């Protein structure tokens, strides 16, 4: 097994990459929910326990050998996940694991938070070495293919990007899209060439000449005193330090070359550079008089910093993200509270636009879009500056606040306005006598009856027009937002609207053609809409649609007409 472990700060991106990829399957988790969004939100919430952690994300990927795929049962994979979590110290952290089958080799991903349930950050000290030791023990326990640890391998493996390039070139070559087979990476080329060129007794000059013949150019780093600090190699336009090539006996550093039999007698200028000029990696500088003082001061400073962190309550470590979320929730609550008051103010004045001089608020209602906008005049001189503080939609889908930038002063102002409206309404109700209230209800009923007497003939004509034009009976028709239904058996005509009011008119007809109105809940806007329909019918029908005896005024004040006759087939 080959393991790789990385740190990061984006739980959402990692969760989507693991769970939304093709052939991805969730293996195990200690998180609640079942969707990627629920997973990363719970992992993200752990950052509130310890906001000081810059990289709370731990991502571990484990790849298995192709020949081990038949052995990978569910129990085996669960054992690997549990042992890996314990090996790198994540056994008390939130996590989830999933498998990917999009490659030739089977592999799994383990995503976890480095912050445990107590708010402590799991140390990443030597986590890669701990992971490799855990994988080696699992290979022995589960009878999987055994590989060496990275520090036991003499040669350095190519990077992930170089391996991807080789796979891509290999596929292109097999498909005929590439003429030449894939070339080895610069790391492989340099290590292989040095291994072939090294012979006992060969000096450094001779080795450099052999490497240059293979288009590999060594470069020495020398300080001003003539001491060699290191060596690097340039191949195929890529420069790689000798310390990054090989380990132990296979190292490509100057010390490694000397260990493999190369004589370091290179001359640089007039100075002879031998092994004596190379710094020892184990050399420790002796303490000067200043070093103990510096170490002691640093130790005291670190202990004081750690004490301060532990003494600070975690409740005060609120992140900017949490503060912003709380502010948004507070503004949303204010907007939901103020919006009904604004609508009540507009309705009380029967206006689409209203200006409040005492607190300098401007309220505008847009009937077409069902939007209401509240602005505050922040300055008076030289030109008033209107700042939008609240916007919401009050369509049939319900009240929806879509923008708010309110203050506590705005909330208090509109609460006072609401109280004034409530007091005014109570005063009017107290002043009215029961006879006046009954009279108002009767007047409203008479007004609705007048509107209904205007609409019923037009609705009947619309049904008759549909019958004439389509040659088929029309039990119901849709016109704009109105639905006109005709029940032939019960001799009833009903009109409903789609703006949330439901049924607004019902008329029952007798055998002689007369009708009465058992239910109606109309508005002057309904009359205007049906008058428009009547005008359209007059232009299309060979005869004129029935007209009322008198036209309605803007105030809709006239006596109820006598019942009209209408012929409905």
Protein backbone atom coordinates (compact mmCIF):
# COMPACT_ATOMS: atom_id res chain seq x y z
CA UNK A 1 0.00 0.00 0.00
CA UNK A 2 1.10 3.55 -0.76
CA UNK A 3 -0.17 6.36 1.43
CA UNK A 4 -0.24 10.10 0.99
CA UNK A 5 -1.34 12.67 3.55
CA UNK A 6 -1.97 16.40 3.06
CA UNK A 7 -3.40 19.31 5.03
CA UNK A 8 -5.79 22.04 3.84
CA UNK A 9 -8.54 24.47 4.80
CA UNK A 10 -11.42 23.70 2.38
CA UNK A 11 -13.78 21.02 3.71
CA UNK A 12 -16.39 21.69 0.99
CA UNK A 13 -13.99 21.23 -1.93
CA UNK A 14 -12.49 18.03 -0.53
CA UNK A 15 -15.92 16.53 0.27
CA UNK A 16 -17.26 17.24 -3.22
CA UNK A 17 -14.10 15.80 -4.82
CA UNK A 18 -14.35 12.55 -2.83
CA UNK A 19 -18.11 11.91 -2.85
CA UNK A 20 -19.22 13.41 -6.17
CA UNK A 21 -16.59 11.72 -8.32
CA UNK A 22 -17.51 8.93 -10.71
CA UNK A 23 -17.49 5.41 -9.20
CA UNK A 24 -17.28 6.85 -5.70
CA UNK A 25 -18.82 4.86 -2.85
CA UNK A 26 -19.11 5.85 0.81
CA UNK A 27 -17.35 3.31 3.03
CA UNK A 28 -17.82 4.49 6.63
CA UNK A 29 -18.28 7.66 8.68
CA UNK A 30 -19.20 8.97 12.13
CA UNK A 31 -21.07 11.97 10.68
CA UNK A 32 -24.84 12.44 10.61
CA UNK A 33 -26.76 12.85 7.36
CA UNK A 34 -26.28 11.36 3.92
CA UNK A 35 -25.39 14.22 1.54
CA UNK A 36 -22.00 15.86 0.84
CA UNK A 37 -23.37 19.21 1.99
CA UNK A 38 -24.36 17.78 5.39
CA UNK A 39 -20.92 16.18 5.74
CA UNK A 40 -18.81 19.24 5.06
CA UNK A 41 -21.04 21.50 7.17
CA UNK A 42 -20.44 19.27 10.21
CA UNK A 43 -16.70 19.15 9.52
CA UNK A 44 -16.64 22.93 9.05
CA UNK A 45 -18.39 23.38 12.39
CA UNK A 46 -15.37 21.89 14.21
CA UNK A 47 -13.32 24.96 13.28
CA UNK A 48 -15.43 26.99 15.73
CA UNK A 49 -13.98 24.89 18.56
CA UNK A 50 -10.45 26.09 17.76
CA UNK A 51 -10.31 29.06 15.33
CA UNK A 52 -6.50 29.30 15.71
CA UNK A 53 -5.97 26.24 13.48
CA UNK A 54 -5.14 27.48 9.97
CA UNK A 55 -5.28 24.06 8.27
CA UNK A 56 -8.00 21.94 9.92
CA UNK A 57 -8.45 19.55 6.96
CA UNK A 58 -6.61 16.22 6.90
CA UNK A 59 -6.79 14.23 3.65
CA UNK A 60 -5.27 10.74 3.49
CA UNK A 61 -5.30 8.62 0.34
CA UNK A 62 -4.26 4.94 0.31
CA UNK A 63 -3.59 3.05 -2.94
CA UNK A 64 -3.53 -0.75 -3.18
CA UNK A 65 -1.61 -2.97 -5.56
CA UNK A 66 -3.57 -4.33 -8.54
CA UNK A 67 -2.98 -7.95 -7.43
CA UNK A 68 -4.47 -7.15 -4.00
CA UNK A 69 -7.87 -6.06 -5.40
CA UNK A 70 -9.59 -9.48 -4.96
CA UNK A 71 -8.59 -9.50 -1.27
CA UNK A 72 -10.19 -6.13 -0.49
CA UNK A 73 -13.46 -7.01 1.20
CA UNK A 74 -15.52 -4.52 3.20
CA UNK A 75 -14.11 -5.80 6.50
CA UNK A 76 -10.56 -5.44 5.18
CA UNK A 77 -11.14 -1.85 4.11
CA UNK A 78 -12.76 -0.98 7.45
CA UNK A 79 -9.71 -2.43 9.24
CA UNK A 80 -7.42 -0.27 7.09
CA UNK A 81 -9.44 2.88 7.84
CA UNK A 82 -9.57 2.27 11.61
CA UNK A 83 -5.87 1.47 11.85
CA UNK A 84 -4.95 4.51 9.77
CA UNK A 85 -7.01 6.84 11.95
CA UNK A 86 -5.37 5.51 15.10
CA UNK A 87 -1.91 5.56 13.55
CA UNK A 88 -2.01 9.29 12.71
CA UNK A 89 -4.04 10.28 15.80
CA UNK A 90 -7.47 10.95 14.25
CA UNK A 91 -9.41 8.30 16.20
CA UNK A 92 -11.38 10.95 18.19
CA UNK A 93 -12.13 13.26 15.22
CA UNK A 94 -15.03 13.54 12.79
CA UNK A 95 -14.31 11.75 9.51
CA UNK A 96 -15.66 9.90 6.51
CA UNK A 97 -14.02 7.43 4.12
CA UNK A 98 -14.94 6.55 0.53
CA UNK A 99 -13.52 4.32 -2.20
CA UNK A 100 -12.75 5.28 -5.80
CA UNK A 101 -12.74 2.84 -8.70
CA UNK A 102 -11.79 5.20 -11.53
CA UNK A 103 -8.20 3.93 -11.81
CA UNK A 104 -6.62 0.57 -12.55
CA UNK A 105 -5.51 0.34 -8.94
CA UNK A 106 -8.12 0.43 -6.20
CA UNK A 107 -7.75 3.28 -3.68
CA UNK A 108 -9.64 4.95 -0.85
CA UNK A 109 -9.81 8.47 0.58
CA UNK A 110 -10.06 9.41 4.25
CA UNK A 111 -11.22 12.97 5.03
CA UNK A 112 -11.13 14.13 8.65
CA UNK A 113 -10.96 17.23 10.81
CA UNK A 114 -7.71 17.76 12.73
CA UNK A 115 -9.78 19.30 15.56
CA UNK A 116 -11.18 16.67 17.92
CA UNK A 117 -14.42 16.86 19.89
CA UNK A 118 -12.61 18.55 22.80
CA UNK A 119 -11.34 21.38 20.57
CA UNK A 120 -7.72 20.16 20.55
CA UNK A 121 -5.71 20.12 17.33
CA UNK A 122 -4.16 16.76 16.41
CA UNK A 123 -0.42 17.12 15.93
CA UNK A 124 0.97 16.46 12.45
CA UNK A 125 4.51 15.82 13.71
CA UNK A 126 6.04 13.01 11.59
CA UNK A 127 2.56 12.05 10.42
CA UNK A 128 3.90 10.72 7.10
CA UNK A 129 6.35 8.39 8.87
CA UNK A 130 3.63 7.25 11.28
CA UNK A 131 1.36 6.55 8.29
CA UNK A 132 4.00 4.45 6.55
CA UNK A 133 4.66 2.39 9.68
CA UNK A 134 0.93 1.77 10.03
CA UNK A 135 0.62 0.64 6.41
CA UNK A 136 3.61 -1.72 6.73
CA UNK A 137 2.01 -3.40 9.76
CA UNK A 138 -1.32 -3.67 7.91
CA UNK A 139 0.39 -5.36 4.94
CA UNK A 140 1.79 -7.96 7.31
CA UNK A 141 -1.53 -8.44 9.12
CA UNK A 142 -3.81 -8.60 6.06
CA UNK A 143 -1.41 -10.53 3.79
CA UNK A 144 -1.15 -7.73 1.20
CA UNK A 145 1.74 -6.91 -1.12
CA UNK A 146 4.70 -5.69 0.95
CA UNK A 147 6.71 -2.66 -0.11
CA UNK A 148 9.59 -0.83 1.54
CA UNK A 149 9.26 2.40 3.48
CA UNK A 150 10.39 5.55 1.75
CA UNK A 151 13.52 5.83 3.92
CA UNK A 152 14.51 2.27 3.01
CA UNK A 153 14.50 2.88 -0.73
CA UNK A 154 17.77 4.14 -2.20
CA UNK A 155 16.27 5.70 -5.32
CA UNK A 156 13.84 8.62 -5.31
CA UNK A 157 10.52 7.96 -7.05
CA UNK A 158 9.18 10.40 -9.66
CA UNK A 159 6.70 12.99 -8.55
CA UNK A 160 2.95 12.59 -9.03
CA UNK A 161 2.97 15.01 -11.97
CA UNK A 162 5.77 13.10 -13.69
CA UNK A 163 3.91 9.81 -13.22
CA UNK A 164 0.75 11.32 -14.72
CA UNK A 165 2.73 12.56 -17.71
CA UNK A 166 4.18 9.10 -18.31
CA UNK A 167 0.71 7.49 -18.11
CA UNK A 168 -0.70 10.06 -20.51
CA UNK A 169 2.15 9.59 -23.01
CA UNK A 170 1.81 5.82 -22.72
CA UNK A 171 -1.92 5.96 -23.56
CA UNK A 172 -1.26 8.32 -26.49
CA UNK A 173 1.45 5.98 -27.80
CA UNK A 174 -0.83 2.94 -27.57
CA UNK A 175 -3.60 4.83 -29.41
CA UNK A 176 -1.25 5.97 -32.16
CA UNK A 177 -1.47 9.62 -31.19
CA UNK A 178 2.24 9.73 -30.29
CA UNK A 179 5.13 8.49 -32.42
CA UNK A 180 7.72 7.90 -29.67
CA UNK A 181 7.21 5.90 -26.46
CA UNK A 182 7.09 7.81 -23.16
CA UNK A 183 10.44 9.11 -21.95
CA UNK A 184 11.62 8.58 -18.35
CA UNK A 185 11.40 11.50 -15.96
CA UNK A 186 14.39 13.68 -15.15
CA UNK A 187 14.67 12.07 -11.69
CA UNK A 188 14.84 8.57 -13.15
CA UNK A 189 17.20 9.59 -15.94
CA UNK A 190 19.73 11.26 -13.60
CA UNK A 191 19.76 8.44 -11.03
CA UNK A 192 20.06 5.72 -13.67
CA UNK A 193 22.89 7.50 -15.53
CA UNK A 194 24.87 8.12 -12.34
CA UNK A 195 24.45 4.49 -11.27
CA UNK A 196 25.85 3.30 -14.63
CA UNK A 197 28.67 5.87 -14.74
CA UNK A 198 30.03 5.26 -11.23
CA UNK A 199 33.15 3.08 -11.08
CA UNK A 200 35.57 2.60 -8.19
CA UNK A 201 38.58 4.86 -8.48
CA UNK A 202 36.93 7.34 -10.87
CA UNK A 203 37.36 10.98 -9.93
CA UNK A 204 34.74 13.72 -10.01
CA UNK A 205 36.00 15.27 -13.26
CA UNK A 206 35.65 11.98 -15.11
CA UNK A 207 32.13 11.43 -13.71
CA UNK A 208 31.08 14.94 -14.79
CA UNK A 209 32.39 14.30 -18.31
CA UNK A 210 30.39 11.05 -18.59
CA UNK A 211 27.25 12.81 -17.39
CA UNK A 212 27.65 15.66 -19.90
CA UNK A 213 27.85 13.12 -22.71
CA UNK A 214 24.32 12.01 -21.64
CA UNK A 215 23.07 15.65 -21.58
CA UNK A 216 23.16 15.81 -17.79
CA UNK A 217 25.00 18.86 -16.48
CA UNK A 218 26.22 18.89 -12.85
CA UNK A 219 26.55 22.22 -11.06
CA UNK A 220 28.42 22.88 -7.82
CA UNK A 221 27.40 25.49 -5.30
CA UNK A 222 30.50 27.13 -3.82
CA UNK A 223 30.70 29.90 -1.26
CA UNK A 224 33.13 32.82 -1.28
CA UNK A 225 35.66 30.86 0.79
CA UNK A 226 35.84 28.08 -1.79
CA UNK A 227 33.86 25.58 0.23
CA UNK A 228 31.46 23.36 -1.70
CA UNK A 229 27.97 23.62 -0.25
CA UNK A 230 26.20 21.17 -2.52
CA UNK A 231 25.59 19.82 -5.99
CA UNK A 232 22.67 19.87 -8.40
CA UNK A 233 21.94 18.31 -11.79
CA UNK A 234 20.28 19.80 -14.88
CA UNK A 235 18.50 17.42 -17.29
CA UNK A 236 15.79 18.12 -19.87
CA UNK A 237 15.50 21.68 -18.60
CA UNK A 238 14.82 20.54 -15.01
CA UNK A 239 17.29 21.30 -12.19
CA UNK A 240 17.24 18.93 -9.21
CA UNK A 241 19.31 19.11 -6.03
CA UNK A 242 21.51 16.12 -5.23
CA UNK A 243 19.86 15.82 -1.82
CA UNK A 244 16.54 15.09 -3.61
CA UNK A 245 18.04 12.18 -5.56
CA UNK A 246 18.39 8.91 -3.70
CA UNK A 247 18.95 8.00 -0.07
CA UNK A 248 21.74 6.28 1.85
CA UNK A 249 24.04 4.37 -0.48
CA UNK A 250 22.11 5.54 -3.51
CA UNK A 251 22.38 9.26 -2.70
CA UNK A 252 23.61 11.58 -5.44
CA UNK A 253 25.12 14.16 -3.09
CA UNK A 254 28.89 14.68 -2.94
CA UNK A 255 29.05 12.64 0.27
CA UNK A 256 26.99 9.90 -1.39
CA UNK A 257 29.22 9.88 -4.45
CA UNK A 258 32.31 9.62 -2.24
CA UNK A 259 30.66 6.74 -0.34
CA UNK A 260 30.10 4.95 -3.68
CA UNK A 261 33.79 5.21 -4.67
CA UNK A 262 34.13 8.58 -6.43
CA UNK A 263 37.36 10.47 -5.62
CA UNK A 264 36.59 14.11 -4.80
CA UNK A 265 39.75 15.81 -6.12
CA UNK A 266 38.10 18.52 -8.17
CA UNK A 267 40.11 21.75 -8.54
CA UNK A 268 38.28 25.06 -8.54
CA UNK A 269 40.51 27.96 -9.55
CA UNK A 270 43.78 27.70 -7.61
CA UNK A 271 42.25 25.89 -4.63
CA UNK A 272 42.07 22.16 -4.28
CA UNK A 273 38.69 21.00 -2.98
CA UNK A 274 38.77 17.65 -1.23
CA UNK A 275 36.59 15.83 1.20
CA UNK A 276 38.04 17.90 4.03
CA UNK A 277 36.19 21.00 2.77
CA UNK A 278 32.75 19.32 2.90
CA UNK A 279 30.63 20.23 5.97
CA UNK A 280 29.67 17.28 8.15
CA UNK A 281 25.88 16.83 8.41
CA UNK A 282 26.30 15.82 12.08
CA UNK A 283 28.43 18.80 13.03
CA UNK A 284 26.87 20.79 15.90
CA UNK A 285 28.12 24.29 16.60
CA UNK A 286 29.33 24.91 20.12
CA UNK A 287 27.18 27.11 22.33
CA UNK A 288 28.27 30.71 22.46
CA UNK A 289 27.60 32.95 25.42
CA UNK A 290 24.53 34.44 23.73
CA UNK A 291 22.84 31.15 22.74
CA UNK A 292 21.74 30.01 26.26
CA UNK A 293 20.31 33.47 26.94
CA UNK A 294 18.37 33.45 23.65
CA UNK A 295 17.01 29.95 24.29
CA UNK A 296 15.90 30.86 27.79
CA UNK A 297 14.13 34.03 26.59
CA UNK A 298 12.39 32.11 23.82
CA UNK A 299 11.29 29.41 26.29
CA UNK A 300 9.75 31.99 28.64
CA UNK A 301 7.97 33.72 25.78
CA UNK A 302 6.53 30.44 24.51
CA UNK A 303 5.30 29.41 27.96
CA UNK A 304 3.63 32.81 28.43
CA UNK A 305 1.90 32.53 25.03
CA UNK A 306 0.63 29.03 25.83
CA UNK A 307 -0.68 30.17 29.22
CA UNK A 308 -2.55 33.09 27.64
CA UNK A 309 -4.17 30.80 25.07
CA UNK A 310 -5.38 28.36 27.68
CA UNK A 311 -6.74 31.16 29.88
CA UNK A 312 -8.74 32.74 27.07
CA UNK A 313 -12.32 31.43 27.03
CA UNK A 314 -13.31 29.65 23.85
CA UNK A 315 -16.57 31.57 23.71
CA UNK A 316 -14.63 34.75 22.92
CA UNK A 317 -12.83 33.13 19.99
CA UNK A 318 -15.66 33.87 17.61
CA UNK A 319 -14.59 33.85 14.00
CA UNK A 320 -15.46 36.58 11.53
CA UNK A 321 -17.56 34.09 9.60
CA UNK A 322 -19.76 33.38 12.62
CA UNK A 323 -20.14 37.10 13.36
CA UNK A 324 -21.22 37.75 9.77
CA UNK A 325 -23.77 34.92 9.92
CA UNK A 326 -25.26 36.26 13.15
CA UNK A 327 -25.51 39.76 11.63
CA UNK A 328 -27.34 38.37 8.57
CA UNK A 329 -29.79 36.48 10.79
CA UNK A 330 -30.41 39.63 12.84
CA UNK A 331 -31.09 41.74 9.73
CA UNK A 332 -33.36 39.03 8.32
CA UNK A 333 -35.38 39.00 11.54
CA UNK A 334 -35.69 42.80 11.45
CA UNK A 335 -36.77 42.70 7.80
CA UNK A 336 -39.48 40.12 8.48
CA UNK A 337 -40.74 42.25 11.35
CA UNK A 338 -40.82 45.57 9.47
CA UNK A 339 -42.24 44.35 6.13
CA UNK A 340 -45.88 43.87 7.34
CA UNK A 341 -45.77 47.29 9.02
CA UNK A 342 -44.66 48.94 5.77
CA UNK A 343 -47.52 47.28 3.87
CA UNK A 344 -50.01 48.40 6.52
CA UNK A 345 -48.76 52.00 6.24
CA UNK A 346 -49.18 52.01 2.45
CA UNK A 347 -52.64 50.44 2.68
CA UNK A 348 -53.77 52.94 5.31
CA UNK A 349 -52.88 55.83 3.00
CA UNK A 350 -54.02 53.94 -0.15
CA UNK A 351 -50.82 54.94 -1.92
CA UNK A 352 -48.04 53.28 -3.88
CA UNK A 353 -45.48 55.81 -2.70
CA UNK A 354 -45.17 57.51 0.66
CA UNK A 355 -42.69 59.95 2.15
CA UNK A 356 -42.16 60.28 5.88
CA UNK A 357 -40.74 63.67 6.75
CA UNK A 358 -40.19 63.12 10.47
CA UNK A 359 -37.61 60.35 10.03
CA UNK A 360 -36.91 60.92 6.35
CA UNK A 361 -38.07 57.53 5.03
CA UNK A 362 -39.27 56.98 1.45
CA UNK A 363 -41.51 53.96 0.76
CA UNK A 364 -42.30 52.87 -2.82
CA UNK A 365 -44.55 50.05 -3.97
CA UNK A 366 -44.16 48.60 -7.47
CA UNK A 367 -47.47 46.92 -8.40
CA UNK A 368 -46.09 45.25 -11.53
CA UNK A 369 -43.35 43.30 -9.75
CA UNK A 370 -45.03 43.18 -6.31
CA UNK A 371 -41.89 44.69 -4.77
CA UNK A 372 -41.70 47.22 -1.95
CA UNK A 373 -38.57 49.32 -1.38
CA UNK A 374 -37.81 51.41 1.71
CA UNK A 375 -35.11 54.08 1.50
CA UNK A 376 -33.58 56.34 4.11
CA UNK A 377 -32.54 59.92 3.32
CA UNK A 378 -29.13 60.10 4.97
CA UNK A 379 -28.21 63.68 4.01
CA UNK A 380 -30.19 66.82 3.26
CA UNK A 381 -27.54 69.13 1.81
CA UNK A 382 -26.74 69.70 -0.95
CA UNK A 383 -28.65 66.75 -2.49
CA UNK A 384 -30.52 64.10 -0.51
CA UNK A 385 -28.74 60.74 -0.62
CA UNK A 386 -31.21 57.85 -0.61
CA UNK A 387 -29.90 54.60 0.79
CA UNK A 388 -31.99 51.47 0.32
CA UNK A 389 -32.43 49.76 3.69
CA UNK A 390 -35.19 47.24 2.95
CA UNK A 391 -36.62 45.50 -0.08
CA UNK A 392 -39.11 42.65 -0.17
CA UNK A 393 -41.61 40.90 -2.43
CA UNK A 394 -45.22 40.29 -1.37
CA UNK A 395 -46.52 38.24 -4.32
CA UNK A 396 -48.88 35.27 -4.01
CA UNK A 397 -45.92 33.03 -3.15
CA UNK A 398 -45.66 34.77 0.18
CA UNK A 399 -43.61 37.51 1.78
CA UNK A 400 -39.91 37.26 0.88
CA UNK A 401 -37.33 39.70 2.19
CA UNK A 402 -34.51 39.87 -0.37
CA UNK A 403 -32.43 42.83 0.83
CA UNK A 404 -32.04 44.65 4.11
CA UNK A 405 -29.53 47.02 5.66
CA UNK A 406 -31.36 48.07 8.78
CA UNK A 407 -30.35 49.59 12.08
CA UNK A 408 -31.89 49.44 15.51
CA UNK A 409 -33.17 52.98 15.00
CA UNK A 410 -35.10 51.89 11.88
CA UNK A 411 -36.72 49.05 13.81
CA UNK A 412 -37.80 51.35 16.65
CA UNK A 413 -39.22 53.88 14.20
CA UNK A 414 -41.43 51.36 12.40
CA UNK A 415 -42.51 49.80 15.68
CA UNK A 416 -43.72 53.27 16.73
CA UNK A 417 -45.55 53.65 13.39
CA UNK A 418 -47.21 50.27 13.92
CA UNK A 419 -48.35 51.33 17.37
CA UNK A 420 -49.82 54.55 15.94
CA UNK A 421 -51.79 52.62 13.31
CA UNK A 422 -53.10 50.22 15.95
CA UNK A 423 -54.18 53.08 18.24
CA UNK A 424 -55.91 54.85 15.36
CA UNK A 425 -57.84 51.72 14.39
CA UNK A 426 -58.98 51.16 17.97
CA UNK A 427 -60.20 54.74 18.23
CA UNK A 428 -62.27 54.39 15.05
CA UNK A 429 -63.82 51.16 16.27
CA UNK A 430 -64.73 52.74 19.60
CA UNK A 431 -66.32 55.75 17.89
CA UNK A 432 -68.53 53.59 15.65
CA UNK A 433 -71.86 52.41 16.98
CA UNK A 434 -73.09 48.87 16.30
CA UNK A 435 -75.63 50.29 13.83
CA UNK A 436 -72.83 52.00 11.87
CA UNK A 437 -70.81 48.78 11.73
CA UNK A 438 -73.85 46.88 10.42
CA UNK A 439 -74.48 49.65 7.88
CA UNK A 440 -70.88 49.48 6.62
CA UNK A 441 -71.15 45.71 6.18
CA UNK A 442 -74.41 46.15 4.25
CA UNK A 443 -72.88 48.85 2.04
CA UNK A 444 -69.93 46.57 1.26
CA UNK A 445 -72.34 43.76 0.34
CA UNK A 446 -74.33 46.10 -1.90
CA UNK A 447 -71.15 47.28 -3.59
CA UNK A 448 -70.01 43.69 -4.29
CA UNK A 449 -73.48 42.91 -5.68
CA UNK A 450 -73.23 45.88 -8.04
CA UNK A 451 -69.84 44.65 -9.27
CA UNK A 452 -71.20 41.13 -9.73
CA UNK A 453 -74.22 42.40 -11.73
CA UNK A 454 -71.67 44.01 -14.08
CA UNK A 455 -69.53 40.88 -14.52
CA UNK A 456 -72.03 38.00 -14.87
CA UNK A 457 -73.27 38.92 -18.41
CA UNK A 458 -69.70 39.33 -19.64
CA UNK A 459 -68.70 35.92 -18.26
CA UNK A 460 -71.74 34.35 -19.96
CA UNK A 461 -70.85 36.01 -23.26
CA UNK A 462 -67.28 34.68 -22.96
CA UNK A 463 -68.59 31.13 -22.56
CA UNK A 464 -70.94 31.57 -25.54
CA UNK A 465 -68.11 32.99 -27.64
CA UNK A 466 -65.99 29.90 -26.86
CA UNK A 467 -68.90 27.67 -27.94
CA UNK A 468 -69.33 29.55 -31.25
CA UNK A 469 -65.64 29.61 -32.15
CA UNK A 470 -64.75 26.03 -31.19
CA UNK A 471 -68.14 24.41 -32.05
CA UNK A 472 -67.86 22.43 -28.82
CA UNK A 473 -69.38 23.05 -25.40
CA UNK A 474 -67.03 24.83 -22.98
CA UNK A 475 -67.72 23.88 -19.37
CA UNK A 476 -64.74 26.05 -18.30
CA UNK A 477 -62.35 28.51 -19.93
CA UNK A 478 -59.13 30.21 -18.79
CA UNK A 479 -58.82 33.90 -19.45
CA UNK A 480 -55.72 35.63 -18.11
CA UNK A 481 -55.72 34.92 -14.36
CA UNK A 482 -59.47 34.13 -14.28
CA UNK A 483 -61.08 30.72 -14.64
CA UNK A 484 -64.76 30.79 -15.68
CA UNK A 485 -66.69 27.55 -15.04
CA UNK A 486 -70.22 26.65 -16.13
CA UNK A 487 -72.06 23.74 -14.47
CA UNK A 488 -74.76 22.79 -17.00
CA UNK A 489 -76.58 20.41 -14.65
CA UNK A 490 -76.75 22.74 -11.65
CA UNK A 491 -77.04 25.87 -13.84
CA UNK A 492 -74.25 27.61 -11.91
CA UNK A 493 -71.54 29.97 -13.13
CA UNK A 494 -68.38 30.34 -10.99
CA UNK A 495 -65.28 32.52 -11.39
CA UNK A 496 -62.00 31.79 -9.57
CA UNK A 497 -58.66 33.63 -9.67
CA UNK A 498 -55.08 32.42 -9.25
CA UNK A 499 -53.85 35.25 -7.04
CA UNK A 500 -54.73 33.46 -3.81
CA UNK A 501 -58.32 34.79 -3.38
CA UNK A 502 -59.88 31.62 -4.77
CA UNK A 503 -63.50 31.83 -5.86
CA UNK A 504 -64.68 35.45 -6.24
CA UNK A 505 -68.14 34.98 -7.82
CA UNK A 506 -70.93 32.39 -7.97
CA UNK A 507 -74.24 32.91 -9.78
CA UNK A 508 -77.20 30.47 -9.80
CA UNK A 509 -79.68 30.54 -12.71
CA UNK A 510 -83.34 29.67 -12.72
CA UNK A 511 -85.25 27.95 -15.53
CA UNK A 512 -86.57 31.29 -16.79
CA UNK A 513 -83.01 32.69 -17.10
CA UNK A 514 -83.01 34.86 -13.99
CA UNK A 515 -80.10 34.48 -11.57
CA UNK A 516 -79.12 35.36 -8.02
CA UNK A 517 -75.72 35.81 -6.39
CA UNK A 518 -75.15 33.62 -3.34
CA UNK A 519 -71.42 34.46 -3.10
CA UNK A 520 -69.19 37.22 -4.44
CA UNK A 521 -65.89 38.76 -3.31
CA UNK A 522 -64.85 41.18 -6.05
CA UNK A 523 -62.68 44.24 -6.45
CA UNK A 524 -62.82 47.22 -8.84
CA UNK A 525 -59.77 45.71 -10.57
CA UNK A 526 -61.89 42.68 -11.50
CA UNK A 527 -64.43 44.99 -13.14
CA UNK A 528 -61.72 46.66 -15.23
CA UNK A 529 -60.39 43.30 -16.40
CA UNK A 530 -63.83 42.05 -17.45
CA UNK A 531 -64.64 45.34 -19.15
CA UNK A 532 -61.54 44.77 -21.26
CA UNK A 533 -62.81 41.27 -22.04
CA UNK A 534 -66.20 42.68 -23.07
CA UNK A 535 -64.49 45.11 -25.48
CA UNK A 536 -62.61 42.22 -27.07
CA UNK A 537 -65.79 40.16 -27.39
CA UNK A 538 -67.65 43.05 -29.07
CA UNK A 539 -64.96 43.16 -31.77
CA UNK A 540 -65.10 39.40 -32.39
CA UNK A 541 -68.78 38.42 -31.99
CA UNK A 542 -71.32 39.10 -34.79
CA UNK A 543 -73.54 40.71 -32.16
CA UNK A 544 -72.74 42.88 -29.20
CA UNK A 545 -72.16 41.34 -25.79
CA UNK A 546 -74.77 42.25 -23.16
CA UNK A 547 -74.17 45.70 -21.69
CA UNK A 548 -75.23 46.98 -18.27
CA UNK A 549 -77.98 49.58 -18.14
CA UNK A 550 -75.62 52.20 -16.68
CA UNK A 551 -71.86 52.57 -16.59
CA UNK A 552 -70.07 52.36 -13.28
CA UNK A 553 -68.36 55.44 -11.89
CA UNK A 554 -64.93 55.31 -10.26
CA UNK A 555 -66.56 55.14 -6.84
CA UNK A 556 -68.97 52.38 -7.98
CA UNK A 557 -71.91 54.20 -6.40
CA UNK A 558 -75.28 53.43 -8.01
CA UNK A 559 -78.41 51.49 -7.18
CA UNK A 560 -78.47 47.74 -7.86
CA UNK A 561 -80.08 47.05 -11.27
CA UNK A 562 -82.82 44.56 -11.84
CA UNK A 563 -81.86 41.00 -12.56
CA UNK A 564 -80.70 40.47 -16.09
CA UNK A 565 -81.56 37.76 -18.56
CA UNK A 566 -78.86 35.66 -20.10
CA UNK A 567 -79.04 32.76 -22.52
CA UNK A 568 -76.52 30.05 -21.75
CA UNK A 569 -76.62 26.99 -23.97
